[in-house]
Amino acid sequence: MSFGAPELIIVLLIVLLLFGGAKLPKLARSLGEASREFKKGIDDKDKDKDEKTGEGKTTT
């Protein structure tokens, strides 16, 4: 099951109808912040794992 352009447009229209034009920027901002925090957590986890195992990046 894959999504093409027509399906994405339909989903965007439904979201616009549900949330309204005024709340969409706030919704997008909160999704962006959540995504950033998730990526930051993953990076921190990788750094902690590298520090515990001694497999950090070395510079020459």
PDB file of N, CA and C in Angstrom:
ATOM      1  N   MET A   1       0.848  -1.175   0.000  1.00  0.00           N
ATOM      2  CA  MET A   1       0.000   0.000   0.000  1.00  0.00           C
ATOM      3  C   MET A   1       0.893   1.236   0.000  1.00  0.00           C
ATOM      4  N   SER A   2       0.766   2.033  -1.029  1.00  0.00           N
ATOM      5  CA  SER A   2       1.577   3.250  -1.107  1.00  0.00           C
ATOM      6  C   SER A   2       0.663   4.459  -1.313  1.00  0.00           C
ATOM      7  N   PHE A   3       1.171   5.602  -0.884  1.00  0.00           N
ATOM      8  CA  PHE A   3       0.417   6.834  -1.014  1.00  0.00           C
ATOM      9  C   PHE A   3       0.971   7.637  -2.177  1.00  0.00           C
ATOM     10  N   GLY A   4       0.097   8.049  -3.057  1.00  0.00           N
ATOM     11  CA  GLY A   4       0.485   8.908  -4.160  1.00  0.00           C
ATOM     12  C   GLY A   4       0.044  10.328  -3.881  1.00  0.00           C
ATOM     13  N   ALA A   5       0.204  11.169  -4.874  1.00  0.00           N
ATOM     14  CA  ALA A   5      -0.161  12.577  -4.725  1.00  0.00           C
ATOM     15  C   ALA A   5      -1.650  12.770  -4.430  1.00  0.00           C
ATOM     16  N   PRO A   6      -2.553  12.078  -5.138  1.00  0.00           N
ATOM     17  CA  PRO A   6      -3.982  12.294  -4.843  1.00  0.00           C
ATOM     18  C   PRO A   6      -4.363  11.931  -3.411  1.00  0.00           C
ATOM     19  N   GLU A   7      -3.801  10.862  -2.888  1.00  0.00           N
ATOM     20  CA  GLU A   7      -4.100  10.458  -1.518  1.00  0.00           C
ATOM     21  C   GLU A   7      -3.588  11.472  -0.508  1.00  0.00           C
ATOM     22  N   LEU A   8      -2.381  11.990  -0.745  1.00  0.00           N
ATOM     23  CA  LEU A   8      -1.813  12.989   0.161  1.00  0.00           C
ATOM     24  C   LEU A   8      -2.630  14.281   0.143  1.00  0.00           C
ATOM     25  N   ILE A   9      -3.110  14.660  -1.028  1.00  0.00           N
ATOM     26  CA  ILE A   9      -3.939  15.865  -1.117  1.00  0.00           C
ATOM     27  C   ILE A   9      -5.237  15.674  -0.343  1.00  0.00           C
ATOM     28  N   ILE A  10      -5.842  14.510  -0.451  1.00  0.00           N
ATOM     29  CA  ILE A  10      -7.073  14.224   0.284  1.00  0.00           C
ATOM     30  C   ILE A  10      -6.819  14.276   1.786  1.00  0.00           C
ATOM     31  N   VAL A  11      -5.728  13.686   2.237  1.00  0.00           N
ATOM     32  CA  VAL A  11      -5.396  13.702   3.663  1.00  0.00           C
ATOM     33  C   VAL A  11      -5.172  15.137   4.140  1.00  0.00           C
ATOM     34  N   LEU A  12      -4.459  15.933   3.370  1.00  0.00           N
ATOM     35  CA  LEU A  12      -4.217  17.330   3.742  1.00  0.00           C
ATOM     36  C   LEU A  12      -5.521  18.124   3.810  1.00  0.00           C
ATOM     37  N   LEU A  13      -6.437  17.880   2.894  1.00  0.00           N
ATOM     38  CA  LEU A  13      -7.728  18.560   2.928  1.00  0.00           C
ATOM     39  C   LEU A  13      -8.529  18.168   4.167  1.00  0.00           C
ATOM     40  N   ILE A  14      -8.490  16.900   4.523  1.00  0.00           N
ATOM     41  CA  ILE A  14      -9.197  16.447   5.724  1.00  0.00           C
ATOM     42  C   ILE A  14      -8.599  17.098   6.969  1.00  0.00           C
ATOM     43  N   VAL A  15      -7.279  17.157   7.041  1.00  0.00           N
ATOM     44  CA  VAL A  15      -6.616  17.799   8.184  1.00  0.00           C
ATOM     45  C   VAL A  15      -6.990  19.278   8.246  1.00  0.00           C
ATOM     46  N   LEU A  16      -7.031  19.923   7.101  1.00  0.00           N
ATOM     47  CA  LEU A  16      -7.403  21.339   7.053  1.00  0.00           C
ATOM     48  C   LEU A  16      -8.834  21.532   7.548  1.00  0.00           C
ATOM     49  N   LEU A  17      -9.723  20.645   7.155  1.00  0.00           N
ATOM     50  CA  LEU A  17     -11.114  20.752   7.613  1.00  0.00           C
ATOM     51  C   LEU A  17     -11.240  20.492   9.108  1.00  0.00           C
ATOM     52  N   LEU A  18     -10.472  19.528   9.616  1.00  0.00           N
ATOM     53  CA  LEU A  18     -10.559  19.186  11.042  1.00  0.00           C
ATOM     54  C   LEU A  18      -9.975  20.262  11.945  1.00  0.00           C
ATOM     55  N   PHE A  19      -8.834  20.789  11.585  1.00  0.00           N
ATOM     56  CA  PHE A  19      -8.121  21.700  12.476  1.00  0.00           C
ATOM     57  C   PHE A  19      -8.296  23.166  12.109  1.00  0.00           C
ATOM     58  N   GLY A  20      -8.644  23.463  10.887  1.00  0.00           N
ATOM     59  CA  GLY A  20      -8.795  24.848  10.467  1.00  0.00           C
ATOM     60  C   GLY A  20      -7.464  25.468  10.100  1.00  0.00           C
ATOM     61  N   GLY A  21      -7.518  26.519   9.317  1.00  0.00           N
ATOM     62  CA  GLY A  21      -6.303  27.162   8.826  1.00  0.00           C
ATOM     63  C   GLY A  21      -5.492  27.844   9.907  1.00  0.00           C
ATOM     64  N   ALA A  22      -6.148  28.304  10.963  1.00  0.00           N
ATOM     65  CA  ALA A  22      -5.434  29.042  12.007  1.00  0.00           C
ATOM     66  C   ALA A  22      -4.585  28.126  12.885  1.00  0.00           C
ATOM     67  N   LYS A  23      -5.020  26.900  13.065  1.00  0.00           N
ATOM     68  CA  LYS A  23      -4.297  25.999  13.965  1.00  0.00           C
ATOM     69  C   LYS A  23      -3.235  25.167  13.261  1.00  0.00           C
ATOM     70  N   LEU A  24      -3.235  25.153  11.937  1.00  0.00           N
ATOM     71  CA  LEU A  24      -2.254  24.337  11.220  1.00  0.00           C
ATOM     72  C   LEU A  24      -0.810  24.748  11.487  1.00  0.00           C
ATOM     73  N   PRO A  25      -0.455  26.037  11.489  1.00  0.00           N
ATOM     74  CA  PRO A  25       0.942  26.387  11.793  1.00  0.00           C
ATOM     75  C   PRO A  25       1.367  25.931  13.189  1.00  0.00           C
ATOM     76  N   LYS A  26       0.467  26.060  14.160  1.00  0.00           N
ATOM     77  CA  LYS A  26       0.790  25.628  15.518  1.00  0.00           C
ATOM     78  C   LYS A  26       0.968  24.108  15.565  1.00  0.00           C
ATOM     79  N   LEU A  27       0.121  23.387  14.848  1.00  0.00           N
ATOM     80  CA  LEU A  27       0.225  21.931  14.789  1.00  0.00           C
ATOM     81  C   LEU A  27       1.537  21.510  14.125  1.00  0.00           C
ATOM     82  N   ALA A  28       1.882  22.162  13.020  1.00  0.00           N
ATOM     83  CA  ALA A  28       3.132  21.840  12.321  1.00  0.00           C
ATOM     84  C   ALA A  28       4.341  22.145  13.194  1.00  0.00           C
ATOM     85  N   ARG A  29       4.295  23.252  13.934  1.00  0.00           N
ATOM     86  CA  ARG A  29       5.400  23.620  14.817  1.00  0.00           C
ATOM     87  C   ARG A  29       5.591  22.577  15.911  1.00  0.00           C
ATOM     88  N   SER A  30       4.484  22.126  16.499  1.00  0.00           N
ATOM     89  CA  SER A  30       4.600  21.136  17.568  1.00  0.00           C
ATOM     90  C   SER A  30       5.086  19.792  17.031  1.00  0.00           C
ATOM     91  N   LEU A  31       4.689  19.442  15.815  1.00  0.00           N
ATOM     92  CA  LEU A  31       5.202  18.209  15.208  1.00  0.00           C
ATOM     93  C   LEU A  31       6.702  18.319  14.938  1.00  0.00           C
ATOM     94  N   GLY A  32       7.144  19.480  14.491  1.00  0.00           N
ATOM     95  CA  GLY A  32       8.569  19.702  14.251  1.00  0.00           C
ATOM     96  C   GLY A  32       9.379  19.617  15.526  1.00  0.00           C
ATOM     97  N   GLU A  33       8.861  20.203  16.602  1.00  0.00           N
ATOM     98  CA  GLU A  33       9.564  20.146  17.888  1.00  0.00           C
ATOM     99  C   GLU A  33       9.631  18.710  18.403  1.00  0.00           C
ATOM    100  N   ALA A  34       8.543  17.975  18.247  1.00  0.00           N
ATOM    101  CA  ALA A  34       8.542  16.580  18.690  1.00  0.00           C
ATOM    102  C   ALA A  34       9.548  15.759  17.898  1.00  0.00           C
ATOM    103  N   SER A  35       9.605  16.003  16.599  1.00  0.00           N
ATOM    104  CA  SER A  35      10.567  15.293  15.754  1.00  0.00           C
ATOM    105  C   SER A  35      12.000  15.618  16.166  1.00  0.00           C
ATOM    106  N   ARG A  36      12.273  16.896  16.444  1.00  0.00           N
ATOM    107  CA  ARG A  36      13.602  17.307  16.880  1.00  0.00           C
ATOM    108  C   ARG A  36      13.998  16.652  18.194  1.00  0.00           C
ATOM    109  N   GLU A  37      13.065  16.620  19.136  1.00  0.00           N
ATOM    110  CA  GLU A  37      13.342  16.000  20.434  1.00  0.00           C
ATOM    111  C   GLU A  37      13.601  14.502  20.276  1.00  0.00           C
ATOM    112  N   PHE A  38      12.845  13.861  19.401  1.00  0.00           N
ATOM    113  CA  PHE A  38      13.039  12.434  19.162  1.00  0.00           C
ATOM    114  C   PHE A  38      14.434  12.166  18.596  1.00  0.00           C
ATOM    115  N   LYS A  39      14.826  12.955  17.589  1.00  0.00           N
ATOM    116  CA  LYS A  39      16.152  12.784  16.993  1.00  0.00           C
ATOM    117  C   LYS A  39      17.252  13.062  18.011  1.00  0.00           C
ATOM    118  N   LYS A  40      17.037  14.072  18.847  1.00  0.00           N
ATOM    119  CA  LYS A  40      18.015  14.400  19.883  1.00  0.00           C
ATOM    120  C   LYS A  40      18.154  13.243  20.869  1.00  0.00           C
ATOM    121  N   GLY A  41      17.041  12.640  21.238  1.00  0.00           N
ATOM    122  CA  GLY A  41      17.072  11.493  22.150  1.00  0.00           C
ATOM    123  C   GLY A  41      17.801  10.310  21.547  1.00  0.00           C
ATOM    124  N   ILE A  42      17.584  10.066  20.259  1.00  0.00           N
ATOM    125  CA  ILE A  42      18.277   8.971  19.576  1.00  0.00           C
ATOM    126  C   ILE A  42      19.781   9.242  19.544  1.00  0.00           C
ATOM    127  N   ASP A  43      20.160  10.476  19.224  1.00  0.00           N
ATOM    128  CA  ASP A  43      21.586  10.830  19.181  1.00  0.00           C
ATOM    129  C   ASP A  43      22.232  10.691  20.555  1.00  0.00           C
ATOM    130  N   ASP A  44      21.532  11.125  21.595  1.00  0.00           N
ATOM    131  CA  ASP A  44      22.058  11.007  22.954  1.00  0.00           C
ATOM    132  C   ASP A  44      22.233   9.551  23.340  1.00  0.00           C
ATOM    133  N   LYS A  45      21.292   8.722  22.941  1.00  0.00           N
ATOM    134  CA  LYS A  45      21.376   7.289  23.240  1.00  0.00           C
ATOM    135  C   LYS A  45      22.601   6.681  22.555  1.00  0.00           C
ATOM    136  N   ASP A  46      22.831   7.071  21.295  1.00  0.00           N
ATOM    137  CA  ASP A  46      23.993   6.559  20.563  1.00  0.00           C
ATOM    138  C   ASP A  46      25.295   7.020  21.214  1.00  0.00           C
ATOM    139  N   LYS A  47      25.342   8.276  21.663  1.00  0.00           N
ATOM    140  CA  LYS A  47      26.551   8.790  22.317  1.00  0.00           C
ATOM    141  C   LYS A  47      26.824   8.039  23.616  1.00  0.00           C
ATOM    142  N   ASP A  48      25.759   7.800  24.398  1.00  0.00           N
ATOM    143  CA  ASP A  48      25.928   7.069  25.652  1.00  0.00           C
ATOM    144  C   ASP A  48      26.419   5.653  25.386  1.00  0.00           C
ATOM    145  N   LYS A  49      25.883   5.020  24.363  1.00  0.00           N
ATOM    146  CA  LYS A  49      26.286   3.655  24.022  1.00  0.00           C
ATOM    147  C   LYS A  49      27.756   3.631  23.606  1.00  0.00           C
ATOM    148  N   ASP A  50      28.160   4.615  22.787  1.00  0.00           N
ATOM    149  CA  ASP A  50      29.551   4.687  22.343  1.00  0.00           C
ATOM    150  C   ASP A  50      30.500   4.931  23.516  1.00  0.00           C
ATOM    151  N   GLU A  51      30.092   5.771  24.453  1.00  0.00           N
ATOM    152  CA  GLU A  51      30.934   6.058  25.600  1.00  0.00           C
ATOM    153  C   GLU A  51      31.096   4.829  26.491  1.00  0.00           C
ATOM    154  N   LYS A  52      30.039   4.051  26.631  1.00  0.00           N
ATOM    155  CA  LYS A  52      30.105   2.864  27.480  1.00  0.00           C
ATOM    156  C   LYS A  52      30.953   1.769  26.857  1.00  0.00           C
ATOM    157  N   THR A  53      30.894   1.647  25.535  1.00  0.00           N
ATOM    158  CA  THR A  53      31.639   0.588  24.869  1.00  0.00           C
ATOM    159  C   THR A  53      33.015   1.034  24.410  1.00  0.00           C
ATOM    160  N   GLY A  54      33.287   2.350  24.481  1.00  0.00           N
ATOM    161  CA  GLY A  54      34.588   2.856  24.038  1.00  0.00           C
ATOM    162  C   GLY A  54      34.720   2.949  22.554  1.00  0.00           C
ATOM    163  N   GLU A  55      33.611   3.001  21.847  1.00  0.00           N
ATOM    164  CA  GLU A  55      33.633   3.053  20.389  1.00  0.00           C
ATOM    165  C   GLU A  55      33.332   4.452  19.879  1.00  0.00           C
ATOM    166  N   GLY A  56      33.896   5.453  20.414  1.00  0.00           N
ATOM    167  CA  GLY A  56      33.664   6.818  19.963  1.00  0.00           C
ATOM    168  C   GLY A  56      34.427   7.113  18.697  1.00  0.00           C
ATOM    169  N   LYS A  57      34.079   8.228  18.075  1.00  0.00           N
ATOM    170  CA  LYS A  57      34.798   8.646  16.883  1.00  0.00           C
ATOM    171  C   LYS A  57      36.142   9.191  17.306  1.00  0.00           C
ATOM    172  N   THR A  58      37.164   8.847  16.583  1.00  0.00           N
ATOM    173  CA  THR A  58      38.501   9.350  16.895  1.00  0.00           C
ATOM    174  C   THR A  58      38.915  10.335  15.827  1.00  0.00           C
ATOM    175  N   THR A  59      39.583  11.370  16.237  1.00  0.00           N
ATOM    176  CA  THR A  59      40.079  12.369  15.290  1.00  0.00           C
ATOM    177  C   THR A  59      41.584  12.248  15.204  1.00  0.00           C
ATOM    178  N   THR A  60      42.102  12.492  14.018  1.00  0.00           N
ATOM    179  CA  THR A  60      43.558  12.415  13.840  1.00  0.00           C
ATOM    180  C   THR A  60      44.106  13.723  13.377  1.00  0.00           C
TER     181      THR A  60
END
